[in-house]
């Protein structure tokens, strides 16, 4: 119900729209618009050959997700569960951000959550892993990983590394390698999202200017 209340106030072309709530069953259900293409992760995997031959489409996917996140950022909302699996493909290949169960409103751009064992390590920023500190900048880190997913057509970030290996990998100052078909400029954008100092990471508003340059 909290998710439904939050979604009621969200109106953006790249945010999954809430249509209603069914509360007359043993458990309430959220009813959203139909996203006929399913989740972005499986869309990438199912169309790998076609997509890798058209990187412009991959770029536009990232641009649409960034647009939705810039909207959330402007509303002082942090998603906290951003990944290709929580974005969806609608009509005309429109990409929309969904799954707002962990989304939170923040006043000073900081939400300190509980240290959870089931945290999505492969999308989590260092400050989330170490201190469970969530902010728009931790969403930016996750967006960089999502971009990596998009340009690798749904491959698993960090491969078969376990949680501790991921922590060791990040503590050593390492980052995900550039996907094979990713342009250098796009990979540089990913690396900006993975800056350890959160104050040096770009905002979604500034990232959006890269995807949608003026003129």
Protein backbone atom coordinates (compact mmCIF):
# COMPACT_ATOMS: atom_id res chain seq x y z
CA UNK A 1 0.00 0.00 0.00
CA UNK A 2 2.94 2.32 0.66
CA UNK A 3 4.17 1.62 -2.86
CA UNK A 4 0.72 2.43 -4.26
CA UNK A 5 0.50 5.70 -2.34
CA UNK A 6 3.91 6.72 -3.63
CA UNK A 7 3.09 5.78 -7.24
CA UNK A 8 -0.14 7.78 -7.14
CA UNK A 9 1.89 10.99 -7.29
CA UNK A 10 4.28 9.89 -10.02
CA UNK A 11 3.51 11.09 -13.56
CA UNK A 12 6.28 10.82 -16.13
CA UNK A 13 6.69 9.19 -19.58
CA UNK A 14 9.48 6.96 -18.23
CA UNK A 15 7.83 5.91 -14.97
CA UNK A 16 5.44 2.94 -14.86
CA UNK A 17 1.94 4.33 -14.29
CA UNK A 18 -0.31 3.15 -11.48
CA UNK A 19 -3.88 2.44 -12.61
CA UNK A 20 -5.37 1.26 -9.34
CA UNK A 21 -5.23 -1.02 -6.33
CA UNK A 22 -7.28 -4.16 -5.73
CA UNK A 23 -7.84 -4.49 -1.99
CA UNK A 24 -10.71 -7.01 -1.88
CA UNK A 25 -8.48 -10.07 -1.97
CA UNK A 26 -6.50 -11.69 0.87
CA UNK A 27 -3.52 -9.61 -0.25
CA UNK A 28 -3.73 -6.24 -2.03
CA UNK A 29 -2.59 -6.01 -5.64
CA UNK A 30 -1.19 -3.05 -7.53
CA UNK A 31 -2.57 -2.62 -11.06
CA UNK A 32 -0.25 -0.83 -13.48
CA UNK A 33 -0.24 -0.09 -17.17
CA UNK A 34 0.62 -3.05 -19.37
CA UNK A 35 4.32 -3.18 -20.24
CA UNK A 36 4.02 -5.69 -23.06
CA UNK A 37 7.76 -6.13 -23.57
CA UNK A 38 8.30 -7.35 -20.02
CA UNK A 39 11.30 -6.46 -17.91
CA UNK A 40 14.26 -4.81 -19.58
CA UNK A 41 16.68 -7.55 -18.51
CA UNK A 42 14.93 -10.32 -20.45
CA UNK A 43 14.25 -7.98 -23.37
CA UNK A 44 18.00 -7.43 -23.66
CA UNK A 45 18.80 -11.12 -23.43
CA UNK A 46 16.08 -12.18 -25.87
CA UNK A 47 17.11 -9.64 -28.51
CA UNK A 48 20.88 -9.66 -28.06
CA UNK A 49 21.89 -10.18 -31.69
CA UNK A 50 19.66 -7.41 -33.03
CA UNK A 51 20.53 -4.97 -30.26
CA UNK A 52 24.30 -5.38 -30.43
CA UNK A 53 24.09 -4.35 -34.09
CA UNK A 54 22.27 -1.15 -33.13
CA UNK A 55 24.01 0.54 -30.22
CA UNK A 56 21.94 3.69 -30.82
CA UNK A 57 18.93 1.77 -29.49
CA UNK A 58 20.91 0.76 -26.39
CA UNK A 59 21.88 4.39 -25.88
CA UNK A 60 18.23 5.49 -26.10
CA UNK A 61 17.28 2.86 -23.53
CA UNK A 62 19.74 4.37 -21.06
CA UNK A 63 18.53 7.87 -21.90
CA UNK A 64 14.94 6.95 -21.08
CA UNK A 65 15.87 5.35 -17.76
CA UNK A 66 17.95 8.42 -16.92
CA UNK A 67 15.00 10.67 -17.72
CA UNK A 68 12.77 8.74 -15.31
CA UNK A 69 15.42 8.87 -12.60
CA UNK A 70 16.02 12.59 -13.08
CA UNK A 71 12.30 13.02 -12.44
CA UNK A 72 12.51 10.98 -9.23
CA UNK A 73 15.56 13.00 -8.18
CA UNK A 74 13.63 16.25 -8.71
CA UNK A 75 10.89 14.87 -6.46
CA UNK A 76 13.47 14.00 -3.74
CA UNK A 77 12.85 10.30 -4.19
CA UNK A 78 15.48 7.57 -4.23
CA UNK A 79 14.69 4.26 -5.90
CA UNK A 80 17.12 1.96 -4.01
CA UNK A 81 16.50 -1.06 -6.27
CA UNK A 82 17.53 0.12 -9.71
CA UNK A 83 18.58 -2.57 -12.19
CA UNK A 84 17.57 -3.80 -15.64
CA UNK A 85 15.17 -6.22 -13.91
CA UNK A 86 13.22 -3.31 -12.36
CA UNK A 87 12.75 -1.43 -15.63
CA UNK A 88 10.15 -2.40 -18.21
CA UNK A 89 9.55 -2.24 -21.96
CA UNK A 90 6.26 -0.86 -23.21
CA UNK A 91 4.68 -0.04 -26.55
CA UNK A 92 7.04 1.37 -29.19
CA UNK A 93 9.97 0.17 -27.06
CA UNK A 94 9.46 2.89 -24.45
CA UNK A 95 11.49 2.09 -21.33
CA UNK A 96 10.01 2.88 -17.92
CA UNK A 97 11.31 2.58 -14.38
CA UNK A 98 9.15 0.45 -12.07
CA UNK A 99 9.23 -1.56 -8.82
CA UNK A 100 8.95 1.19 -6.21
CA UNK A 101 8.66 -1.03 -3.16
CA UNK A 102 11.97 0.24 -1.75
CA UNK A 103 11.61 3.82 -2.95
CA UNK A 104 11.93 6.47 -0.24
CA UNK A 105 11.38 10.21 0.11
CA UNK A 106 14.45 12.02 1.45
CA UNK A 107 14.86 15.57 2.71
CA UNK A 108 18.65 15.89 2.80
CA UNK A 109 19.32 13.25 0.13
CA UNK A 110 20.17 10.56 2.66
CA UNK A 111 18.32 7.49 3.84
CA UNK A 112 20.04 5.17 6.30
CA UNK A 113 18.48 1.75 5.92
CA UNK A 114 19.00 -1.52 7.68
CA UNK A 115 21.94 -3.74 6.82
CA UNK A 116 20.13 -6.45 4.89
CA UNK A 117 21.50 -9.80 3.83
CA UNK A 118 19.48 -9.79 0.62
CA UNK A 119 20.81 -6.44 -0.61
CA UNK A 120 21.54 -6.43 -4.36
CA UNK A 121 25.34 -6.32 -4.00
CA UNK A 122 26.05 -6.10 -7.71
CA UNK A 123 24.21 -2.79 -8.04
CA UNK A 124 25.10 -1.33 -4.64
CA UNK A 125 27.45 1.60 -4.18
CA UNK A 126 30.28 1.23 -1.62
CA UNK A 127 28.53 3.47 0.91
CA UNK A 128 25.49 1.19 0.71
CA UNK A 129 27.58 -1.93 1.24
CA UNK A 130 29.57 -0.48 4.14
CA UNK A 131 27.08 1.78 5.92
CA UNK A 132 23.68 1.17 4.28
CA UNK A 133 23.62 4.85 3.26
CA UNK A 134 21.24 5.41 0.35
CA UNK A 135 20.95 8.63 -1.66
CA UNK A 136 20.36 9.84 -5.19
CA UNK A 137 24.11 9.29 -5.69
CA UNK A 138 23.83 5.62 -4.75
CA UNK A 139 21.08 5.43 -7.39
CA UNK A 140 23.58 7.00 -9.82
CA UNK A 141 26.05 4.19 -9.04
CA UNK A 142 23.34 1.62 -9.73
CA UNK A 143 22.47 3.42 -12.96
CA UNK A 144 26.08 2.96 -14.09
CA UNK A 145 25.71 -0.78 -13.50
CA UNK A 146 22.39 -0.72 -15.38
CA UNK A 147 24.13 0.94 -18.31
CA UNK A 148 26.69 -1.85 -18.19
CA UNK A 149 23.84 -4.39 -18.28
CA UNK A 150 22.30 -2.65 -21.28
CA UNK A 151 25.51 -2.49 -23.31
CA UNK A 152 26.36 -6.10 -22.49
CA UNK A 153 22.78 -7.14 -23.38
CA UNK A 154 21.87 -8.52 -20.00
CA UNK A 155 25.06 -10.15 -18.80
CA UNK A 156 25.52 -10.54 -15.03
CA UNK A 157 27.67 -7.78 -13.45
CA UNK A 158 30.82 -9.15 -11.78
CA UNK A 159 30.16 -12.59 -13.23
CA UNK A 160 30.23 -15.34 -10.60
CA UNK A 161 31.79 -13.27 -7.82
CA UNK A 162 30.19 -13.75 -4.42
CA UNK A 163 29.34 -10.86 -2.11
CA UNK A 164 32.68 -10.81 -0.32
CA UNK A 165 34.59 -10.98 -3.60
CA UNK A 166 32.62 -7.98 -4.86
CA UNK A 167 33.52 -6.01 -1.74
CA UNK A 168 37.21 -6.97 -2.12
CA UNK A 169 37.06 -6.05 -5.81
CA UNK A 170 35.68 -2.59 -5.04
CA UNK A 171 38.05 -2.02 -2.12
CA UNK A 172 40.93 -2.68 -4.52
CA UNK A 173 39.68 0.24 -6.61
CA UNK A 174 38.56 -1.93 -9.51
CA UNK A 175 35.47 -1.42 -11.66
CA UNK A 176 33.56 -3.39 -14.27
CA UNK A 177 35.33 -3.73 -17.62
CA UNK A 178 34.02 -1.99 -20.71
CA UNK A 179 31.45 -4.11 -22.56
CA UNK A 180 32.69 -5.25 -25.96
CA UNK A 181 30.29 -3.16 -28.06
CA UNK A 182 30.27 -0.09 -25.81
CA UNK A 183 31.69 3.19 -27.11
CA UNK A 184 34.54 4.68 -25.08
CA UNK A 185 32.52 7.83 -24.38
CA UNK A 186 29.64 5.79 -22.96
CA UNK A 187 32.00 3.74 -20.80
CA UNK A 188 33.52 6.97 -19.46
CA UNK A 189 30.03 7.98 -18.39
CA UNK A 190 29.67 4.69 -16.53
CA UNK A 191 32.98 5.26 -14.74
CA UNK A 192 31.79 8.70 -13.61
CA UNK A 193 28.80 6.97 -12.00
CA UNK A 194 31.25 4.68 -10.16
CA UNK A 195 33.33 7.44 -8.60
CA UNK A 196 33.99 6.48 -4.96
CA UNK A 197 33.48 10.03 -3.69
CA UNK A 198 29.72 10.54 -3.85
CA UNK A 199 30.20 14.30 -4.15
CA UNK A 200 32.08 13.75 -7.40
CA UNK A 201 29.39 11.61 -8.96
CA UNK A 202 27.11 13.36 -11.44
CA UNK A 203 23.46 14.00 -10.64
CA UNK A 204 20.79 12.54 -12.89
CA UNK A 205 20.00 16.07 -14.00
CA UNK A 206 23.55 16.50 -15.28
CA UNK A 207 23.62 13.00 -16.77
CA UNK A 208 20.49 13.82 -18.71
CA UNK A 209 22.26 16.69 -20.47
CA UNK A 210 24.71 14.11 -21.85
CA UNK A 211 21.92 11.93 -23.20
CA UNK A 212 19.91 14.89 -24.47
CA UNK A 213 22.39 17.61 -25.41
CA UNK A 214 20.98 21.03 -26.23
CA UNK A 215 20.81 21.95 -29.86
